[in-house]
Amino acid sequence: MAQQPPLNPGDEAEPGVPGSGEDLCPDCNGSGKQDGAECKTCGGTGKVIQGIGGG
């Protein structure tokens, strides 16, 4: 069984979970950097996993 990468602080769900999708990190606007360092919200990826849809 393949192990998923660890979640970043800005992730709301694991990748591939139904009702979730990838989005640009709201704190670094997708750059992966904040104040010259790796963005802590997205772990430097520039992306976060967000819940989508409404309920």
C-alpha atoms as a PDB file:
ATOM      1  CA  MET A   1       0.000   0.000   0.000  1.00  0.00           C
ATOM      2  CA  ALA A   2       1.467   3.360  -1.020  1.00  0.00           C
ATOM      3  CA  GLN A   3       1.821   5.871   1.779  1.00  0.00           C
ATOM      4  CA  GLN A   4       0.395   9.335   1.125  1.00  0.00           C
ATOM      5  CA  PRO A   5       2.613  12.372   1.673  1.00  0.00           C
ATOM      6  CA  PRO A   6       1.965  14.109   4.991  1.00  0.00           C
ATOM      7  CA  LEU A   7      -0.686  16.806   5.044  1.00  0.00           C
ATOM      8  CA  ASN A   8       0.386  20.447   5.128  1.00  0.00           C
ATOM      9  CA  PRO A   9      -1.168  22.815   7.672  1.00  0.00           C
ATOM     10  CA  GLY A  10      -3.337  24.412   4.979  1.00  0.00           C
ATOM     11  CA  ASP A  11      -4.788  21.108   3.750  1.00  0.00           C
ATOM     12  CA  GLU A  12      -8.378  20.342   4.698  1.00  0.00           C
ATOM     13  CA  ALA A  13      -8.308  16.725   3.436  1.00  0.00           C
ATOM     14  CA  GLU A  14      -6.000  14.080   1.984  1.00  0.00           C
ATOM     15  CA  PRO A  15      -5.457  14.187  -1.791  1.00  0.00           C
ATOM     16  CA  GLY A  16      -8.088  12.197  -3.694  1.00  0.00           C
ATOM     17  CA  VAL A  17     -10.777  12.340  -1.010  1.00  0.00           C
ATOM     18  CA  PRO A  18     -14.217  12.784  -2.626  1.00  0.00           C
ATOM     19  CA  GLY A  19     -15.452  16.342  -2.226  1.00  0.00           C
ATOM     20  CA  SER A  20     -11.947  17.815  -2.174  1.00  0.00           C
ATOM     21  CA  GLY A  21      -9.678  19.384  -4.753  1.00  0.00           C
ATOM     22  CA  GLU A  22      -6.384  21.149  -5.205  1.00  0.00           C
ATOM     23  CA  ASP A  23      -6.293  24.944  -4.975  1.00  0.00           C
ATOM     24  CA  LEU A  24      -3.631  27.645  -4.835  1.00  0.00           C
ATOM     25  CA  CYS A  25      -2.352  28.343  -1.355  1.00  0.00           C
ATOM     26  CA  PRO A  26      -4.139  31.441  -0.028  1.00  0.00           C
ATOM     27  CA  ASP A  27      -1.098  32.595   1.963  1.00  0.00           C
ATOM     28  CA  CYS A  28       1.605  32.529  -0.746  1.00  0.00           C
ATOM     29  CA  ASN A  29      -0.710  32.759  -3.781  1.00  0.00           C
ATOM     30  CA  GLY A  30       0.798  29.597  -5.247  1.00  0.00           C
ATOM     31  CA  SER A  31       4.451  30.664  -5.118  1.00  0.00           C
ATOM     32  CA  GLY A  32       5.432  28.263  -2.323  1.00  0.00           C
ATOM     33  CA  LYS A  33       7.380  31.031  -0.588  1.00  0.00           C
ATOM     34  CA  GLN A  34       6.513  33.618   2.037  1.00  0.00           C
ATOM     35  CA  ASP A  35       8.927  36.324   3.203  1.00  0.00           C
ATOM     36  CA  GLY A  36      11.798  34.606   1.372  1.00  0.00           C
ATOM     37  CA  ALA A  37      11.236  31.250   3.083  1.00  0.00           C
ATOM     38  CA  GLU A  38       9.178  28.118   2.386  1.00  0.00           C
ATOM     39  CA  CYS A  39       5.485  28.801   2.977  1.00  0.00           C
ATOM     40  CA  LYS A  40       4.396  26.982   6.136  1.00  0.00           C
ATOM     41  CA  THR A  41       0.760  26.705   5.014  1.00  0.00           C
ATOM     42  CA  CYS A  42       1.434  24.645   1.875  1.00  0.00           C
ATOM     43  CA  GLY A  43       4.851  23.226   2.747  1.00  0.00           C
ATOM     44  CA  GLY A  44       6.404  25.006  -0.234  1.00  0.00           C
ATOM     45  CA  THR A  45       4.206  23.325  -2.841  1.00  0.00           C
ATOM     46  CA  GLY A  46       2.058  26.378  -3.586  1.00  0.00           C
ATOM     47  CA  LYS A  47      -1.047  24.157  -3.371  1.00  0.00           C
ATOM     48  CA  VAL A  48      -3.489  23.099  -0.658  1.00  0.00           C
ATOM     49  CA  ILE A  49      -6.276  20.505  -0.650  1.00  0.00           C
ATOM     50  CA  GLN A  50      -9.617  22.244  -0.051  1.00  0.00           C
ATOM     51  CA  GLY A  51     -13.134  21.015   0.456  1.00  0.00           C
ATOM     52  CA  ILE A  52     -15.271  21.837  -2.589  1.00  0.00           C
ATOM     53  CA  GLY A  53     -18.984  22.032  -3.147  1.00  0.00           C
ATOM     54  CA  GLY A  54     -21.611  22.886  -0.612  1.00  0.00           C
ATOM     55  CA  GLY A  55     -23.713  20.940   1.660  1.00  0.00           C
END
